[in-house]
Every structure is written in C-alpha cells, then in structure tokens.
C-alpha cells in the first residue's frame, strides 16, 4: 500500500469516545463500546439486541477473542451489557447495551473529573496563599524596629546591592523597546547605541551604571551627541 492509498482508501471508521473508555475502565473497552453503540443504532430489533461473531469483532476492532471476553466480563459486571446465546446450531451470542446504566456511569465519571479539577484548583490556591503568607512573615522578620521607636532598619539578611556591579550591555532590541516607551525615534535610539558602543559604554571616564537612564538623558539633552555619530 502506498502513502496515497493509505490516505484515500475508504475503510470503516470507529468513532472512539474517551468517556466510554472511562466507563469501561480501559481504552480497549471504550473501543468495544463505541462499536457496540453504533451497532445498537442500526439494529432492527425493537429491544436493542444485535449479534456479532467474535471473528467479526476482531475484523472491525482488531481485538482478540481473549480481549473481547475480558471486556464483556467487565461490562456485564458493571450492568452495562446483557448477553444471550441463540438456540440455533451456531449458538451465536446476541448483545444488548443497558444505555441508562451506561449514561449513569458516564455522568458519575464526569462528576469525578469536575471534582478532581476543583480539588486541583483548591490545592493551587492553597499553595499560592501559603506562599504569600510566607513572604509576609519573611518581611516582618527582615525589618526590625529600634527600641526608641525610630524608623525600621533592614536586618542583616537583606542583601545590599553592590555599587561595583557592572552593567550588562543592552541589545539593539532592548534599546529600541525602551526608546518606544520614552517616545524616542528608532533612528535616535540607533545613534545612542552607536555612540556608546564607540566609547565602551562609559559616561565620562566611568563605566555606565544604567543605560536606560542614559537613554532618557540622551533625549532630554536634545541628542547633543548625535552630531558626532555617523
């Protein structure tokens, strides 16, 4: 079989339904039930009985005889499936689905899923709340007051930013994004980058500490550096 034949060859299709697999307790059970529901809709028996040989089941679903027997036993124990054997010589097995019982089990499954979702949301909310409370407690521990009632002082556990930390050189995209925020034209933003790239990102003789502040200064100074940038 070629790829085109695989895509365009018309073959019977079984519409697999997840909630039926949940009701049957397995994917193979859901497959068997999906086909059984289809057969129920096309049967001519007024009581909903239909028949199928195990060979026909295997041909339609690729379920082995052993797999079929396991599924049928499970469905009968759940009250979903009724069976009877014909009195003919071939003793064909006839099947009937208890659709009311199946609908009841599917509804309970949907309720369990909804309860599970609610439980997960509650757990998530509990974790978020606990995290917020922990942060509040940490802040209370971090700041302590002097005995004379003076302003709260940071505890030693609060890290103090280092004045010797070097600025990370911005990318062209970061500069253009910041320029948009302060209403600076893209051309002037490019001139700003070219200027400071040429002098090693220094302000005077000192390394630049904040390029965003320098960009705002560039705009306020009327781009006085732009004449030196080609």
Protein backbone atom coordinates (compact mmCIF):
# COMPACT_ATOMS: atom_id res chain seq x y z
CA UNK A 1 0.00 0.00 0.00
CA UNK A 2 1.33 3.43 -0.94
CA UNK A 3 1.07 6.60 1.13
CA UNK A 4 -1.64 7.95 -1.18
CA UNK A 5 -3.62 4.72 -0.90
CA UNK A 6 -3.29 4.90 2.88
CA UNK A 7 -4.77 8.41 2.92
CA UNK A 8 -7.54 7.93 0.37
CA UNK A 9 -8.65 4.31 0.71
CA UNK A 10 -12.19 4.25 2.12
CA UNK A 11 -12.40 1.97 5.16
CA UNK A 12 -14.90 1.64 8.01
CA UNK A 13 -14.07 4.03 10.84
CA UNK A 14 -14.93 3.56 14.53
CA UNK A 15 -15.50 6.85 16.36
CA UNK A 16 -13.58 6.35 19.60
CA UNK A 17 -15.11 8.19 22.55
CA UNK A 18 -12.98 8.85 25.63
CA UNK A 19 -15.86 8.87 28.13
CA UNK A 20 -16.77 5.35 27.04
CA UNK A 21 -13.21 4.21 27.77
CA UNK A 22 -13.50 5.77 31.24
CA UNK A 23 -16.82 3.97 31.79
CA UNK A 24 -15.40 0.62 30.63
CA UNK A 25 -12.16 1.08 32.55
CA UNK A 26 -9.83 0.72 29.56
CA UNK A 27 -9.12 2.03 26.08
CA UNK A 28 -9.96 -1.35 24.55
CA UNK A 29 -13.24 -1.38 26.45
CA UNK A 30 -14.02 2.06 25.10
CA UNK A 31 -13.28 0.83 21.57
CA UNK A 32 -15.61 -2.15 22.01
CA UNK A 33 -18.35 0.05 23.47
CA UNK A 34 -18.02 2.60 20.66
CA UNK A 35 -18.67 -0.10 18.08
CA UNK A 36 -21.44 -1.63 20.17
CA UNK A 37 -23.26 1.71 20.37
CA UNK A 38 -23.07 2.02 16.57
CA UNK A 39 -24.49 -1.50 16.18
CA UNK A 40 -27.29 -0.59 18.62
CA UNK A 41 -28.30 2.35 16.42
CA UNK A 42 -28.56 0.19 13.27
CA UNK A 43 -30.17 -2.95 14.70
CA UNK A 44 -33.69 -3.82 13.55
CA UNK A 45 -34.56 -5.49 16.86
CA UNK A 46 -37.09 -3.38 18.78
CA UNK A 47 -35.49 -4.37 22.09
CA UNK A 48 -32.00 -3.30 21.01
CA UNK A 49 -30.46 -6.75 20.59
CA UNK A 50 -27.74 -7.25 17.95
CA UNK A 51 -25.37 -10.09 17.20
CA UNK A 52 -21.74 -10.33 16.17
CA UNK A 53 -19.34 -13.27 15.92
CA UNK A 54 -16.00 -12.89 17.67
CA UNK A 55 -14.32 -13.09 14.26
CA UNK A 56 -16.37 -10.10 13.08
CA UNK A 57 -15.50 -8.17 16.25
CA UNK A 58 -11.81 -8.90 15.62
CA UNK A 59 -12.11 -7.81 11.99
CA UNK A 60 -13.75 -4.49 12.96
CA UNK A 61 -11.82 -3.62 16.14
CA UNK A 62 -8.62 -5.72 15.96
CA UNK A 63 -9.48 -7.02 19.44
CA UNK A 64 -8.52 -10.65 20.03
CA UNK A 65 -11.01 -13.20 21.29
CA UNK A 66 -9.38 -13.10 24.73
CA UNK A 67 -9.55 -9.29 24.83
CA UNK A 68 -13.20 -9.38 23.81
CA UNK A 69 -14.03 -11.86 26.58
CA UNK A 70 -12.27 -9.72 29.20
CA UNK A 71 -14.14 -6.61 28.07
CA UNK A 72 -17.52 -8.35 28.02
CA UNK A 73 -16.97 -9.75 31.52
CA UNK A 74 -16.14 -6.25 32.80
CA UNK A 75 -19.15 -4.64 31.12
CA UNK A 76 -21.52 -7.32 32.43
CA UNK A 77 -20.21 -6.81 35.98
CA UNK A 78 -20.96 -3.08 35.61
CA UNK A 79 -24.51 -3.80 34.42
CA UNK A 80 -23.80 -2.21 31.03
CA UNK A 81 -24.04 -5.34 28.86
CA UNK A 82 -26.62 -8.12 28.52
CA UNK A 83 -25.90 -11.30 26.58
CA UNK A 84 -27.90 -14.25 25.36
CA UNK A 85 -26.99 -17.25 23.25
CA UNK A 86 -29.22 -18.18 20.34
CA UNK A 87 -30.74 -21.63 20.26
CA UNK A 88 -29.53 -22.21 16.72
CA UNK A 89 -26.82 -24.66 15.86
CA UNK A 90 -24.13 -21.96 15.70
CA UNK A 91 -25.17 -20.67 19.16
CA UNK A 92 -24.46 -17.07 18.15
CA UNK A 93 -24.09 -14.59 21.01
CA UNK A 94 -26.51 -11.67 20.99
CA UNK A 95 -25.74 -8.44 22.82
CA UNK A 96 -27.76 -5.57 24.26
CA UNK A 97 -26.47 -2.42 25.93
CA UNK A 98 -28.14 -1.04 29.05
CA UNK A 99 -27.92 2.56 27.86
CA UNK A 100 -29.45 4.02 31.01
CA UNK A 101 -26.80 2.32 33.15
CA UNK A 102 -24.05 3.42 30.75
CA UNK A 103 -25.27 7.02 30.86
CA UNK A 104 -25.32 6.88 34.67
CA UNK A 105 -21.71 5.67 34.84
CA UNK A 106 -20.59 8.28 32.32
CA UNK A 107 -22.29 11.00 34.36
CA UNK A 108 -20.55 9.85 37.53
CA UNK A 109 -17.25 9.90 35.65
CA UNK A 110 -17.87 13.47 34.53
CA UNK A 111 -18.67 14.44 38.11
CA UNK A 112 -15.44 12.83 39.33
CA UNK A 113 -13.47 14.79 36.74
CA UNK A 114 -15.15 18.02 37.80
CA UNK A 115 -14.42 17.28 41.48
CA UNK A 116 -10.82 16.46 40.62
CA UNK A 117 -10.46 19.74 38.72
CA UNK A 118 -11.94 21.66 41.66
CA UNK A 119 -9.61 19.89 44.07
CA UNK A 120 -6.58 20.76 41.95
CA UNK A 121 -7.67 24.40 41.78
CA UNK A 122 -8.11 24.46 45.57
CA UNK A 123 -4.64 22.96 46.04
CA UNK A 124 -3.18 25.57 43.71
CA UNK A 125 -4.97 28.37 45.57
CA UNK A 126 -3.76 26.97 48.90
CA UNK A 127 -0.15 26.87 47.68
CA UNK A 128 -0.38 30.44 46.36
CA UNK A 129 -1.93 31.68 49.63
CA UNK A 130 0.68 29.88 51.72
CA UNK A 131 3.42 31.40 49.59
CA UNK A 132 2.01 34.90 50.06
CA UNK A 133 1.73 34.38 53.82
CA UNK A 134 5.32 33.11 53.96
CA UNK A 135 6.52 36.22 52.13
CA UNK A 136 4.67 38.45 54.59
CA UNK A 137 6.25 36.64 57.55
CA UNK A 138 9.69 36.92 55.96
CA UNK A 139 9.23 40.66 55.53
CA UNK A 140 8.20 41.03 59.16
CA UNK A 141 11.34 39.15 60.23
CA UNK A 142 13.55 41.10 57.85
CA UNK A 143 12.65 44.54 59.21
CA UNK A 144 13.06 45.30 62.89
CA UNK A 145 12.47 48.50 64.84
CA UNK A 146 14.80 50.24 67.24
CA UNK A 147 13.76 50.22 70.87
CA UNK A 148 13.29 54.01 70.83
CA UNK A 149 10.68 53.76 68.08
CA UNK A 150 12.86 55.03 65.23
CA UNK A 151 12.31 54.04 61.62
CA UNK A 152 12.63 50.34 60.84
CA UNK A 153 16.06 49.23 59.75
CA UNK A 154 16.80 46.41 57.32
CA UNK A 155 18.06 43.28 59.01
CA UNK A 156 21.45 41.91 58.06
CA UNK A 157 19.78 39.22 55.97
CA UNK A 158 18.65 41.80 53.39
CA UNK A 159 21.24 41.89 50.59
CA UNK A 160 22.60 45.34 49.75
CA UNK A 161 23.14 45.89 46.04
CA UNK A 162 26.82 46.17 45.17
CA UNK A 163 27.92 49.53 43.76
CA UNK A 164 30.71 47.77 41.88
CA UNK A 165 28.41 45.56 39.80
CA UNK A 166 28.90 46.10 36.09
CA UNK A 167 26.02 46.97 33.82
CA UNK A 168 25.03 44.37 31.27
CA UNK A 169 25.34 45.87 27.80
CA UNK A 170 21.87 46.12 26.20
CA UNK A 171 20.94 44.60 22.87
CA UNK A 172 19.65 46.66 19.95
CA UNK A 173 16.19 45.20 20.51
CA UNK A 174 16.19 46.22 24.18
CA UNK A 175 17.25 49.76 23.27
CA UNK A 176 14.54 50.08 20.63
CA UNK A 177 11.91 48.77 23.05
CA UNK A 178 12.93 51.27 25.72
CA UNK A 179 13.02 54.05 23.11
CA UNK A 180 9.39 53.36 22.24
CA UNK A 181 8.47 53.73 25.91
CA UNK A 182 10.03 57.22 26.15
CA UNK A 183 8.90 58.31 22.66
CA UNK A 184 12.39 58.39 21.15
CA UNK A 185 12.67 57.73 17.43
CA UNK A 186 14.28 54.48 16.23
CA UNK A 187 16.97 56.48 14.41
CA UNK A 188 17.98 58.34 17.58
CA UNK A 189 17.96 55.06 19.51
CA UNK A 190 20.39 53.63 16.95
CA UNK A 191 22.59 56.73 17.23
CA UNK A 192 22.57 56.32 21.02
CA UNK A 193 23.74 52.72 20.69
CA UNK A 194 26.44 53.60 18.13
CA UNK A 195 27.76 56.42 20.30
CA UNK A 196 28.13 54.36 23.45
CA UNK A 197 29.38 51.31 21.58
CA UNK A 198 32.20 53.50 20.30
CA UNK A 199 33.26 54.72 23.76
CA UNK A 200 32.90 51.38 25.55
CA UNK A 201 29.63 52.30 27.33
CA UNK A 202 31.22 54.95 29.53
CA UNK A 203 29.92 58.21 30.96
CA UNK A 204 32.97 60.42 31.03
CA UNK A 205 35.74 58.18 32.32
CA UNK A 206 33.47 55.95 34.39
CA UNK A 207 31.64 52.79 33.27
CA UNK A 208 27.94 53.38 32.66
CA UNK A 209 25.70 52.16 35.51
CA UNK A 210 22.25 52.45 33.85
CA UNK A 211 21.78 52.55 30.09
CA UNK A 212 18.05 53.29 30.46
CA UNK A 213 18.87 56.43 32.46
CA UNK A 214 21.48 57.36 29.85
CA UNK A 215 18.88 56.92 27.11
CA UNK A 216 16.49 59.29 28.87
CA UNK A 217 19.34 61.79 29.32
CA UNK A 218 20.13 61.47 25.62
CA UNK A 219 16.60 62.52 24.79
CA UNK A 220 16.50 65.39 27.33
CA UNK A 221 19.83 66.80 26.11
CA UNK A 222 18.40 67.20 22.66
CA UNK A 223 20.60 64.49 21.24
CA UNK A 224 23.71 66.65 21.60
CA UNK A 225 25.85 63.60 20.93
CA UNK A 226 24.25 62.81 17.61
CA UNK A 227 26.39 65.22 15.59
CA UNK A 228 29.48 63.15 16.36
CA UNK A 229 27.85 59.87 15.29
CA UNK A 230 27.83 58.96 11.59
